[in-house]
Amino acid sequence: MRVRRLTTAAAALTGAALILTACSGGGDGSGGSGGEGGEVQPLTIHANSSNSYQRNFNPFSTSVLHGARGMIYEPLVASSPQFEEPVPWLAESVEFNDDGTVMTYTLRDGVTWSDGEEFNAEDVEFTFTMFVDQPATNLSALDVVGATATDDLTVEIEFSEPMFAFEHAVGNSLIVPEHIWSEIEDPIETTNEEPVGTGPFLLEDFEQQLYTMTKNEDYWAADEVEVEQLRYPANTDQTFTTSLQAGEIDWSGGFVANIDDIFVAQDPENRGYWYPGGGLVSLTPNTQEAPFDDPELREALSLAMDRDQISEVAMQGYTPAAHPTGLPQPAYQDSLSADYADAAFARDVEAANQILDDAGYERGADGVRTTPDGEAMSYPLEIPSDWVDWVTISQLLVEQYAEVGIEIVPQGVSFEAWVETRNSGNFALTISATAIGQSPFDMYRSMMSSEYASDGAVRQNFSRFYNDDADAALDAYAGTDDEAEQQAALDSLEQIMVEQLPLVPMIQSPNWFQYTSERWEGWPTEENPYAFGAPFQNPDIMLVVRNLTPAQ
């Protein structure tokens, strides 16, 4: 007997389109026109700060350009914590077998790749087989055994473990064309400069300062997309703020100081922002290296941290201090253990100093402590130099940790250099962000699972916290679809997070999102939260683009 699970209340995109229509109306219609003579204006996007672009549209690459995921390459099913239900995309439905180790997808008929080739089950089989043969492409570390196309529109994917907890991750996997990618020798290193996808946009033009995408008129849901061109101009943080203030950007995601004065006040009828909790920002120790393999030291770091100051000064109150479990609130309020439902961090410098004294971290004449091995407790802290909020956080940590005899030395580096250091583990302390995922399980897996263990670069669990109890709790959650059993596993994971501090939670990570309805309407808002709004948030960006209409 098979367990039937439709991915949404409607088994076809027609039903999803009705949901989107009900969610529209983000603009008030007072912001001008879509262009003279009815001309549709381009949609100008700022998804990240960069001096210039390097041509890379490989959806499996850590340096892939924004838009490749979602606008060009699409998933089987679109899932997000903001969606009421998963939305069928390249697949219309999915079935589990009884023990959850086989997922059978029924694909949408009539889909073609942008080069005119037919999309079918063999492309899905190829993609998931590549996850096995080329593990670096398996971005969600899924336990794939293999995949088989049983006919043109049906594919079975087999896993070594029950996948009830991974349904969203499997569905969100991006599918690539077999007839092109089977010829690529290294699917991670290729820059895929001429991308061929099933998505609503085609790469139109590329320059180091600007790349554009144009609407794919043969897209399988072309009638649902009114945007005809996407523009991604390169901006530093400084030029981004200037361009945003001038109204040159329609859709953006980034930290903007004094946003009400700098941005909204210039055109309050059309400009807005919404920063829902989108994850967790943490001080991240390398727990595989001394002295940060010591949980007492990590506890002292937590006690000495002034999260309220970080929230108010570095983040201007845009986002609150983290919850001790690390779970964003209120999204995961219902998942909190009874032991931690009312928990909150409180700074206690005296207690932090006492822990360090008792553990043998002696303070020297210069005020800096040494480890029991005699090493000075002075640590570089790399942060992307353009991320002004994180730069301020690092400066505050210098002051806060000086009170307990730990010296922090901030080092501003390029985004690419920070990613390399974080992923390779060549650090004692860094700052990292954890995405909200589809469930608390997803977050804890990305922070604690030994699945991501590697002698080289890792894609998740950047603190390299490997713990048998955490793995057992994650396995227990993934092995059942019983809600009570899943909550018991979450209770264990929350206890590990609070007591062992695999990383040190600081603040909730905001889903940065600013918009103007001068040219385009239909944006998600706090009152109409149909998707996360950040232009780097996939698959949410796919629904946002479908929901946009030219301003009247």
Protein backbone atom coordinates (compact mmCIF):
# COMPACT_ATOMS: atom_id res chain seq x y z
CA MET A 1 0.00 0.00 0.00
CA ARG A 2 1.27 3.43 -0.89
CA VAL A 3 0.70 6.59 1.11
CA ARG A 4 -0.71 9.24 -1.21
CA ARG A 5 0.38 12.83 -0.55
CA LEU A 6 -0.70 15.58 -2.90
CA THR A 7 1.71 18.48 -2.75
CA THR A 8 -1.07 20.99 -2.43
CA ALA A 9 -4.83 21.11 -2.23
CA ALA A 10 -4.83 21.45 -6.02
CA ALA A 11 -3.08 18.83 -8.09
CA ALA A 12 -2.18 21.23 -10.89
CA LEU A 13 -0.77 24.71 -11.24
CA THR A 14 -4.22 26.00 -12.14
CA GLY A 15 -5.16 25.57 -8.50
CA ALA A 16 -1.95 27.23 -7.35
CA ALA A 17 -2.62 30.15 -9.66
CA LEU A 18 -5.98 30.64 -7.97
CA ILE A 19 -4.20 30.78 -4.62
CA LEU A 20 -1.82 33.41 -5.99
CA THR A 21 -4.66 35.49 -7.35
CA ALA A 22 -6.22 35.55 -3.92
CA CYS A 23 -2.91 36.75 -2.49
CA SER A 24 -2.45 39.64 -4.91
CA GLY A 25 -2.94 43.32 -4.23
CA GLY A 26 0.33 44.27 -2.55
CA GLY A 27 0.27 47.69 -4.23
CA ASP A 28 -2.38 50.35 -3.87
CA GLY A 29 -2.56 51.27 -7.54
CA SER A 30 -1.47 54.84 -6.88
CA GLY A 31 2.13 54.54 -7.94
CA GLY A 32 2.12 55.60 -11.55
CA SER A 33 2.04 53.51 -14.68
CA GLY A 34 3.73 50.49 -16.10
CA GLY A 35 5.23 52.71 -18.78
CA GLU A 36 4.29 55.17 -21.46
CA GLY A 37 1.90 53.81 -24.05
CA GLY A 38 1.44 50.63 -22.00
CA GLU A 39 5.10 49.59 -22.26
CA VAL A 40 6.01 47.04 -19.60
CA GLN A 41 8.92 48.27 -17.52
CA PRO A 42 11.83 45.97 -16.58
CA LEU A 43 12.06 44.66 -13.03
CA THR A 44 15.33 45.88 -11.49
CA ILE A 45 16.70 43.70 -8.69
CA HIS A 46 19.41 43.98 -6.06
CA ALA A 47 19.97 40.52 -4.54
CA ASN A 48 23.50 40.98 -3.23
CA SER A 49 26.30 43.53 -3.18
CA SER A 50 29.11 43.04 -5.67
CA ASN A 51 31.57 45.31 -7.45
CA SER A 52 31.21 43.20 -10.58
CA TYR A 53 29.85 39.86 -11.71
CA GLN A 54 31.60 36.72 -12.87
CA ARG A 55 29.53 34.78 -15.37
CA ASN A 56 28.33 31.70 -13.48
CA PHE A 57 24.84 30.21 -13.83
CA ASN A 58 25.63 26.81 -12.35
CA PRO A 59 22.81 26.12 -9.84
CA PHE A 60 25.10 23.79 -7.84
CA SER A 61 27.85 26.37 -7.38
CA THR A 62 28.28 28.40 -4.19
CA SER A 63 29.05 31.44 -6.37
CA VAL A 64 26.08 31.06 -8.72
CA LEU A 65 24.52 34.34 -9.81
CA HIS A 66 21.07 35.17 -8.50
CA GLY A 67 18.21 34.26 -10.76
CA ALA A 68 19.75 31.01 -11.99
CA ARG A 69 17.93 29.23 -9.18
CA GLY A 70 14.22 29.73 -9.68
CA MET A 71 14.14 32.00 -12.71
CA ILE A 72 16.02 29.56 -14.98
CA TYR A 73 16.19 26.24 -13.13
CA GLU A 74 13.07 25.01 -11.34
CA PRO A 75 12.16 22.47 -8.65
CA LEU A 76 9.74 19.57 -8.67
CA VAL A 77 7.64 21.17 -5.93
CA ALA A 78 7.99 24.63 -4.39
CA SER A 79 7.99 24.66 -0.58
CA SER A 80 8.62 27.47 1.90
CA PRO A 81 7.68 28.15 5.53
CA GLN A 82 5.67 31.08 4.14
CA PHE A 83 3.57 28.94 1.80
CA GLU A 84 0.30 27.63 3.19
CA GLU A 85 0.83 24.48 1.14
CA PRO A 86 3.64 23.25 -1.12
CA VAL A 87 2.93 24.31 -4.71
CA PRO A 88 3.19 21.81 -7.58
CA TRP A 89 5.78 22.94 -10.09
CA LEU A 90 7.54 20.55 -12.47
CA ALA A 91 5.77 17.76 -10.62
CA GLU A 92 2.03 17.64 -9.98
CA SER A 93 2.01 15.10 -7.16
CA VAL A 94 4.16 12.81 -5.04
CA GLU A 95 3.60 9.45 -3.34
CA PHE A 96 5.55 7.72 -0.55
CA ASN A 97 5.79 3.99 -0.12
CA ASP A 98 4.85 2.67 3.33
CA ASP A 99 8.27 3.04 4.97
CA GLY A 100 9.07 6.37 3.34
CA THR A 101 12.11 5.16 1.39
CA VAL A 102 10.70 5.62 -2.12
CA MET A 103 9.11 8.80 -3.48
CA THR A 104 7.25 8.64 -6.79
CA TYR A 105 6.72 11.92 -8.64
CA THR A 106 4.17 12.44 -11.39
CA LEU A 107 5.48 15.19 -13.66
CA ARG A 108 3.70 17.97 -15.48
CA ASP A 109 3.03 17.28 -19.14
CA GLY A 110 4.01 19.72 -21.89
CA VAL A 111 7.13 21.24 -20.26
CA THR A 112 10.12 21.97 -22.49
CA TRP A 113 13.65 23.11 -21.89
CA SER A 114 14.47 26.60 -23.16
CA ASP A 115 16.35 25.10 -26.14
CA GLY A 116 13.16 23.35 -27.25
CA GLU A 117 14.01 19.85 -25.99
CA GLU A 118 11.28 18.00 -24.11
CA PHE A 119 11.47 17.84 -20.33
CA ASN A 120 10.65 14.37 -18.99
CA ALA A 121 11.30 11.86 -16.22
CA GLU A 122 14.74 10.97 -17.59
CA ASP A 123 15.92 14.49 -16.67
CA VAL A 124 14.79 13.94 -13.08
CA GLU A 125 16.39 10.49 -13.03
CA PHE A 126 19.63 11.99 -14.32
CA THR A 127 19.63 14.82 -11.76
CA PHE A 128 19.13 12.56 -8.75
CA THR A 129 21.59 9.99 -10.09
CA MET A 130 24.11 12.83 -10.37
CA PHE A 131 23.55 13.49 -6.64
CA VAL A 132 24.87 9.96 -6.07
CA ASP A 133 27.71 10.01 -8.60
CA GLN A 134 28.76 13.62 -7.87
CA PRO A 135 28.01 14.14 -4.14
CA ALA A 136 29.00 17.81 -4.22
CA THR A 137 25.89 18.50 -6.30
CA ASN A 138 23.70 17.01 -3.58
CA LEU A 139 23.20 20.36 -1.87
CA SER A 140 20.73 19.02 0.72
CA ALA A 141 22.81 15.91 1.50
CA LEU A 142 19.90 13.64 0.63
CA ASP A 143 20.44 9.90 1.15
CA VAL A 144 19.73 9.06 -2.47
CA VAL A 145 20.27 5.46 -3.57
CA GLY A 146 19.08 5.92 -7.13
CA ALA A 147 16.31 7.09 -9.42
CA THR A 148 14.35 5.40 -12.20
CA ALA A 149 12.11 6.87 -14.86
CA THR A 150 9.24 4.37 -15.17
CA ASP A 151 7.64 6.30 -18.04
CA ASP A 152 7.94 9.78 -19.57
CA LEU A 153 6.09 11.48 -16.71
CA THR A 154 6.81 9.22 -13.73
CA VAL A 155 10.02 8.85 -11.75
CA GLU A 156 10.80 6.81 -8.64
CA ILE A 157 13.52 8.05 -6.31
CA GLU A 158 14.89 5.58 -3.78
CA PHE A 159 16.57 6.54 -0.51
CA SER A 160 18.50 4.61 2.10
CA GLU A 161 16.46 6.11 4.95
CA PRO A 162 12.83 7.23 5.46
CA MET A 163 12.30 10.61 3.88
CA PHE A 164 9.16 11.86 5.58
CA ALA A 165 11.08 14.80 7.08
CA PHE A 166 12.80 15.55 3.77
CA GLU A 167 9.79 15.83 1.48
CA HIS A 168 10.29 19.58 1.09
CA ALA A 169 14.03 19.28 0.48
CA VAL A 170 13.55 16.63 -2.18
CA GLY A 171 10.80 18.62 -3.87
CA ASN A 172 12.84 21.84 -3.84
CA SER A 173 15.74 20.15 -5.67
CA LEU A 174 16.48 21.92 -8.95
CA ILE A 175 16.35 19.79 -12.10
CA VAL A 176 18.90 20.12 -14.93
CA PRO A 177 18.67 18.82 -18.52
CA GLU A 178 20.28 15.44 -19.12
CA HIS A 179 21.09 16.20 -22.76
CA ILE A 180 23.40 19.04 -21.66
CA TRP A 181 24.67 18.11 -18.22
CA SER A 182 25.59 14.55 -19.17
CA GLU A 183 28.34 16.14 -21.28
CA ILE A 184 29.74 18.20 -18.38
CA GLU A 185 32.73 16.53 -16.75
CA ASP A 186 32.76 18.56 -13.53
CA PRO A 187 29.25 19.74 -12.56
CA ILE A 188 30.59 21.81 -9.66
CA GLU A 189 33.40 23.67 -11.40
CA THR A 190 31.54 24.42 -14.62
CA THR A 191 30.31 28.00 -14.83
CA ASN A 192 27.44 27.04 -17.17
CA GLU A 193 27.67 30.32 -19.06
CA GLU A 194 24.76 29.56 -21.41
CA PRO A 195 22.12 28.12 -19.07
CA VAL A 196 19.24 26.04 -20.42
CA GLY A 197 16.35 25.61 -17.99
CA THR A 198 12.62 25.10 -17.77
CA GLY A 199 12.06 28.44 -16.04
CA PRO A 200 10.25 31.63 -16.99
CA PHE A 201 13.39 33.56 -18.01
CA LEU A 202 16.30 33.24 -20.42
CA LEU A 203 19.71 34.81 -20.03
CA GLU A 204 19.58 37.78 -22.38
CA ASP A 205 22.84 39.68 -21.94
CA PHE A 206 25.79 39.55 -19.60
CA GLU A 207 28.32 42.21 -18.66
CA GLN A 208 30.38 42.50 -15.50
CA GLN A 209 28.27 45.44 -14.30
CA LEU A 210 24.86 44.21 -15.43
CA TYR A 211 23.17 41.03 -16.56
CA THR A 212 19.62 40.76 -17.85
CA MET A 213 17.10 38.00 -18.33
CA THR A 214 14.18 38.11 -20.73
CA LYS A 215 10.86 36.31 -20.52
CA ASN A 216 10.74 32.82 -21.97
CA GLU A 217 7.66 33.03 -24.19
CA ASP A 218 7.59 29.23 -24.46
CA TYR A 219 7.53 28.80 -20.68
CA TRP A 220 4.97 26.21 -19.58
CA ALA A 221 3.19 28.83 -17.42
CA ALA A 222 3.98 31.91 -19.52
CA ASP A 223 0.48 33.27 -19.02
CA GLU A 224 1.17 33.55 -15.29
CA VAL A 225 4.20 35.87 -15.77
CA GLU A 226 3.75 39.53 -16.70
CA VAL A 227 7.36 40.58 -16.09
CA GLU A 228 9.21 40.69 -19.40
CA GLN A 229 12.75 41.54 -18.29
CA LEU A 230 14.85 41.15 -15.15
CA ARG A 231 17.80 43.49 -14.60
CA TYR A 232 20.58 42.72 -12.08
CA PRO A 233 22.92 45.75 -11.89
CA ALA A 234 26.11 45.40 -9.84
CA ASN A 235 26.17 47.54 -6.70
CA THR A 236 28.36 47.91 -3.68
CA ASP A 237 26.56 48.50 -0.39
CA GLN A 238 27.18 52.21 -0.82
CA THR A 239 25.85 52.47 -4.39
CA PHE A 240 22.99 50.14 -3.49
CA THR A 241 21.72 52.55 -0.84
CA THR A 242 22.05 55.47 -3.24
CA SER A 243 20.22 53.63 -6.03
CA LEU A 244 17.51 52.49 -3.64
CA GLN A 245 17.00 56.03 -2.36
CA ALA A 246 16.77 57.32 -5.94
CA GLY A 247 14.05 54.81 -6.80
CA GLU A 248 16.18 52.98 -9.36
CA ILE A 249 15.63 49.53 -7.79
CA ASP A 250 12.24 47.80 -7.68
CA TRP A 251 13.12 44.77 -5.55
CA SER A 252 16.00 44.52 -3.11
CA GLY A 253 17.28 42.62 -0.13
CA GLY A 254 19.95 44.08 2.12
CA PHE A 255 20.65 46.04 5.25
CA VAL A 256 19.79 49.72 4.93
CA ALA A 257 20.54 52.04 7.85
CA ASN A 258 17.67 54.35 8.87
CA ILE A 259 15.44 52.87 6.19
CA ASP A 260 12.35 54.90 7.07
CA ASP A 261 14.23 58.15 6.52
CA ILE A 262 16.54 57.02 3.73
CA PHE A 263 14.03 55.07 1.65
CA VAL A 264 10.37 55.10 2.70
CA ALA A 265 10.02 58.82 3.41
CA GLN A 266 10.97 59.69 -0.20
CA ASP A 267 7.73 58.08 -1.49
CA PRO A 268 5.68 56.60 1.39
CA GLU A 269 2.75 55.67 -0.88
CA ASN A 270 4.86 53.32 -2.97
CA ARG A 271 7.86 52.27 -0.89
CA GLY A 272 7.94 49.67 1.84
CA TYR A 273 9.90 46.91 3.54
CA TRP A 274 9.20 43.72 5.47
CA TYR A 275 11.75 41.82 7.59
CA PRO A 276 10.25 38.55 8.86
CA GLY A 277 12.51 36.14 10.74
CA GLY A 278 14.33 34.15 8.10
CA GLY A 279 16.84 32.23 10.20
CA LEU A 280 19.60 32.69 12.75
CA VAL A 281 22.85 34.67 12.90
CA SER A 282 25.41 33.11 15.21
CA LEU A 283 28.92 33.46 16.49
CA THR A 284 30.37 30.26 15.09
CA PRO A 285 33.27 28.50 16.81
CA ASN A 286 35.23 25.72 15.15
CA THR A 287 34.30 22.98 17.61
CA GLN A 288 36.84 20.57 16.12
CA GLU A 289 39.73 22.72 17.29
CA ALA A 290 40.91 23.72 20.78
CA PRO A 291 39.91 25.65 22.73
CA PHE A 292 36.43 25.89 21.16
CA ASP A 293 35.89 22.16 21.52
CA ASP A 294 35.27 23.04 25.19
CA PRO A 295 31.53 23.53 25.84
CA GLU A 296 32.35 25.56 28.98
CA LEU A 297 34.19 28.11 26.87
CA ARG A 298 31.21 28.27 24.49
CA GLU A 299 28.90 28.83 27.46
CA ALA A 300 31.11 31.70 28.64
CA LEU A 301 30.99 33.23 25.15
CA SER A 302 27.22 33.06 25.29
CA LEU A 303 26.94 34.59 28.75
CA ALA A 304 29.28 37.46 27.85
CA MET A 305 27.36 38.36 24.69
CA ASP A 306 25.03 41.37 24.87
CA ARG A 307 22.41 40.41 22.29
CA ASP A 308 20.13 43.32 23.06
CA GLN A 309 22.94 45.75 22.26
CA ILE A 310 23.67 43.88 19.03
CA SER A 311 19.99 44.03 18.07
CA GLU A 312 19.56 47.71 18.81
CA VAL A 313 22.92 49.08 17.68
CA ALA A 314 24.04 46.83 14.83
CA MET A 315 20.58 45.93 13.54
CA GLN A 316 18.78 49.17 14.49
CA GLY A 317 16.04 47.10 16.10
CA TYR A 318 15.08 45.51 12.76
CA THR A 319 15.40 42.03 14.25
CA PRO A 320 15.34 40.72 17.85
CA ALA A 321 17.80 38.73 19.91
CA ALA A 322 17.84 35.02 19.17
CA HIS A 323 15.90 32.49 21.18
CA PRO A 324 18.12 30.09 23.21
CA THR A 325 16.97 27.17 21.04
CA GLY A 326 18.06 29.09 17.94
CA LEU A 327 14.59 28.65 16.41
CA PRO A 328 13.15 31.82 14.80
CA GLN A 329 10.06 33.20 16.46
CA PRO A 330 7.12 33.32 16.00
CA ALA A 331 7.43 30.93 13.01
CA TYR A 332 8.52 28.01 15.20
CA GLN A 333 6.80 28.97 18.44
CA ASP A 334 4.66 25.83 18.36
CA SER A 335 7.75 23.64 18.07
CA LEU A 336 9.37 24.80 21.32
CA SER A 337 9.84 22.28 24.09
CA ALA A 338 7.83 23.04 27.23
CA ASP A 339 11.19 23.45 29.01
CA TYR A 340 12.19 26.36 26.74
CA ALA A 341 8.90 27.97 25.72
CA ASP A 342 9.59 30.98 27.98
CA ALA A 343 13.39 30.91 27.79
CA ALA A 344 15.43 34.00 26.91
CA PHE A 345 19.10 34.92 26.91
CA ALA A 346 20.41 37.17 29.68
CA ARG A 347 23.90 38.63 29.80
CA ASP A 348 25.97 37.73 32.88
CA VAL A 349 29.60 38.87 32.64
CA GLU A 350 30.37 37.83 36.19
CA ALA A 351 29.20 34.27 35.56
CA ALA A 352 31.18 34.15 32.29
CA ASN A 353 34.38 35.21 34.05
CA GLN A 354 33.80 32.64 36.79
CA ILE A 355 33.39 29.84 34.25
CA LEU A 356 36.62 30.85 32.51
CA ASP A 357 38.51 31.11 35.79
CA ASP A 358 37.32 27.70 36.97
CA ALA A 359 38.18 26.10 33.59
CA GLY A 360 41.79 27.34 33.79
CA TYR A 361 41.68 30.17 31.27
CA GLU A 362 43.96 32.56 33.16
CA ARG A 363 43.94 36.30 32.59
CA GLY A 364 47.32 37.82 31.77
CA ALA A 365 48.77 41.16 32.80
CA ASP A 366 47.52 42.65 29.51
CA GLY A 367 43.98 41.57 30.33
CA VAL A 368 43.93 38.80 27.71
CA ARG A 369 43.43 35.26 28.92
CA THR A 370 45.47 32.25 27.91
CA THR A 371 44.29 28.69 27.35
CA PRO A 372 45.44 25.88 29.66
CA ASP A 373 48.02 25.16 26.95
CA GLY A 374 49.40 28.69 27.24
CA GLU A 375 47.99 30.09 23.99
CA ALA A 376 46.81 33.70 24.05
CA MET A 377 43.05 33.92 23.59
CA SER A 378 43.20 36.39 20.72
CA TYR A 379 41.24 35.43 17.61
CA PRO A 380 40.70 36.95 14.17
CA LEU A 381 37.06 37.30 13.15
CA GLU A 382 36.55 37.48 9.40
CA ILE A 383 33.42 39.20 8.11
CA PRO A 384 32.44 40.39 4.64
CA SER A 385 33.69 43.97 4.57
CA ASP A 386 30.61 45.23 2.69
CA TRP A 387 28.15 43.87 5.26
CA VAL A 388 27.88 46.94 7.45
CA ASP A 389 25.59 45.27 10.00
CA TRP A 390 28.05 42.42 10.56
CA VAL A 391 30.96 44.87 10.69
CA THR A 392 29.18 46.67 13.53
CA ILE A 393 28.42 43.35 15.24
CA SER A 394 32.12 42.45 15.17
CA GLN A 395 33.03 45.81 16.72
CA LEU A 396 30.51 45.29 19.51
CA LEU A 397 31.90 41.80 20.16
CA VAL A 398 35.36 43.32 20.59
CA GLU A 399 34.05 45.43 23.46
CA GLN A 400 31.85 42.75 25.00
CA TYR A 401 34.48 40.02 25.04
CA ALA A 402 37.21 42.34 26.32
CA GLU A 403 35.24 42.28 29.60
CA VAL A 404 35.99 38.56 29.95
CA GLY A 405 39.57 38.64 28.68
CA ILE A 406 39.03 37.37 25.14
CA GLU A 407 40.45 39.47 22.33
CA ILE A 408 38.53 39.63 19.04
CA VAL A 409 40.32 41.05 15.99
CA PRO A 410 37.82 41.84 13.18
CA GLN A 411 39.08 41.38 9.64
CA GLY A 412 37.02 42.67 6.74
CA VAL A 413 37.40 40.46 3.66
CA SER A 414 35.56 39.89 0.40
CA PHE A 415 32.38 37.83 0.47
CA GLU A 416 34.11 35.10 -1.53
CA ALA A 417 37.03 34.96 0.91
CA TRP A 418 34.67 34.74 3.89
CA VAL A 419 32.73 31.86 2.27
CA GLU A 420 35.97 30.00 1.58
CA THR A 421 37.18 30.41 5.16
CA ARG A 422 33.82 29.45 6.64
CA ASN A 423 33.38 26.38 4.44
CA SER A 424 36.95 25.14 4.74
CA GLY A 425 37.11 25.44 8.53
CA ASN A 426 40.20 27.64 8.49
CA PHE A 427 39.00 29.70 11.43
CA ALA A 428 38.72 29.67 15.20
CA LEU A 429 35.70 32.00 15.28
CA THR A 430 33.51 33.37 12.52
CA ILE A 431 29.97 34.61 12.06
CA SER A 432 27.49 32.57 10.05
CA ALA A 433 23.80 32.54 9.21
CA THR A 434 21.45 29.56 9.18
CA ALA A 435 18.39 29.67 6.95
CA ILE A 436 14.99 28.97 8.47
CA GLY A 437 14.52 25.89 6.32
CA GLN A 438 11.16 24.20 5.92
CA SER A 439 10.93 23.04 9.54
CA PRO A 440 12.93 23.11 12.81
CA PHE A 441 14.35 19.76 11.72
CA ASP A 442 15.92 21.41 8.68
CA MET A 443 17.58 24.07 10.82
CA TYR A 444 18.95 21.63 13.38
CA ARG A 445 20.16 19.28 10.67
CA SER A 446 22.11 22.10 9.04
CA MET A 447 23.62 23.08 12.41
CA MET A 448 24.35 19.68 13.98
CA SER A 449 24.26 16.77 11.54
CA SER A 450 27.42 14.75 11.00
CA GLU A 451 26.15 14.10 7.46
CA TYR A 452 28.03 17.25 6.54
CA ALA A 453 31.32 16.09 8.05
CA SER A 454 34.22 16.45 5.65
CA ASP A 455 37.98 16.75 5.73
CA GLY A 456 37.59 19.52 3.16
CA ALA A 457 34.93 22.15 2.59
CA VAL A 458 31.45 21.73 4.05
CA ARG A 459 28.15 23.19 2.88
CA GLN A 460 26.38 23.21 6.26
CA ASN A 461 27.22 22.68 9.95
CA PHE A 462 29.98 25.25 9.70
CA SER A 463 30.90 24.87 13.38
CA ARG A 464 31.66 21.20 12.66
CA PHE A 465 29.68 20.02 15.69
CA TYR A 466 29.39 16.24 15.43
CA ASN A 467 27.49 14.54 18.23
CA ASP A 468 26.00 11.04 18.48
CA ASP A 469 22.98 12.20 20.49
CA ALA A 470 22.19 14.90 17.94
CA ASP A 471 22.48 12.42 15.08
CA ALA A 472 20.21 9.97 16.91
CA ALA A 473 17.56 12.65 17.48
CA LEU A 474 17.74 13.74 13.84
CA ASP A 475 17.37 10.12 12.71
CA ALA A 476 14.41 9.64 15.05
CA TYR A 477 12.65 12.69 13.60
CA ALA A 478 13.32 11.67 10.01
CA GLY A 479 12.21 8.08 10.56
CA THR A 480 8.59 8.83 11.41
CA ASP A 481 5.67 10.97 10.33
CA ASP A 482 4.10 10.75 13.81
CA GLU A 483 3.93 14.33 15.13
CA ALA A 484 4.38 13.36 18.81
CA GLU A 485 7.49 11.34 18.03
CA GLN A 486 8.87 14.16 15.92
CA GLN A 487 8.30 16.65 18.76
CA ALA A 488 10.11 14.35 21.20
CA ALA A 489 13.09 14.36 18.83
CA LEU A 490 12.93 18.15 18.59
CA ASP A 491 12.88 18.39 22.40
CA SER A 492 16.19 16.49 22.47
CA LEU A 493 17.71 18.71 19.79
CA GLU A 494 16.63 21.85 21.58
CA GLN A 495 18.25 20.59 24.79
CA ILE A 496 21.52 19.93 22.95
CA MET A 497 21.39 23.39 21.41
CA VAL A 498 20.79 25.10 24.76
CA GLU A 499 23.20 23.06 26.86
CA GLN A 500 26.07 22.34 24.45
CA LEU A 501 25.94 25.39 22.19
CA PRO A 502 27.16 23.94 18.88
CA LEU A 503 27.15 27.59 17.89
CA VAL A 504 26.33 30.73 19.86
CA PRO A 505 23.01 32.26 18.74
CA MET A 506 23.06 36.05 18.45
CA ILE A 507 20.03 37.43 16.63
CA GLN A 508 17.26 36.28 14.37
CA SER A 509 18.34 36.57 10.78
CA PRO A 510 15.95 38.94 9.00
CA ASN A 511 14.65 38.13 5.56
CA TRP A 512 15.78 41.43 4.04
CA PHE A 513 13.21 42.80 1.61
CA GLN A 514 12.54 46.30 0.29
CA TYR A 515 10.21 47.14 -2.57
CA THR A 516 8.63 49.95 -4.54
CA SER A 517 5.21 49.68 -6.17
CA GLU A 518 5.85 52.61 -8.52
CA ARG A 519 6.29 50.24 -11.45
CA TRP A 520 5.21 46.83 -10.07
CA GLU A 521 2.48 45.80 -7.62
CA GLY A 522 1.66 42.61 -5.77
CA TRP A 523 4.56 42.37 -3.31
CA PRO A 524 4.30 40.19 -0.20
CA THR A 525 3.81 42.16 3.00
CA GLU A 526 3.22 41.50 6.68
CA GLU A 527 -0.52 41.79 5.94
CA ASN A 528 -0.24 39.55 2.86
CA PRO A 529 2.62 37.15 3.66
CA TYR A 530 2.21 34.74 0.76
CA ALA A 531 6.00 34.31 0.38
CA PHE A 532 9.28 35.55 1.77
CA GLY A 533 10.12 38.75 -0.08
CA ALA A 534 13.92 38.68 -0.29
CA PRO A 535 15.08 38.52 -3.93
CA PHE A 536 17.64 35.86 -2.99
CA GLN A 537 15.05 33.55 -1.39
CA ASN A 538 14.32 30.56 -3.62
CA PRO A 539 11.72 29.16 -4.28
CA ASP A 540 9.76 32.15 -2.90
CA ILE A 541 11.03 34.40 -5.69
CA MET A 542 9.17 32.25 -8.21
CA LEU A 543 5.81 33.03 -6.60
CA VAL A 544 6.67 36.69 -6.13
CA VAL A 545 7.41 37.13 -9.84
CA ARG A 546 4.17 35.39 -10.77
CA ASN A 547 2.25 37.66 -8.43
CA LEU A 548 3.60 40.95 -9.84
CA THR A 549 1.51 43.10 -12.15
CA PRO A 550 2.38 46.44 -13.78
CA ALA A 551 1.33 49.39 -11.66
CA GLN A 552 -1.70 51.26 -12.97
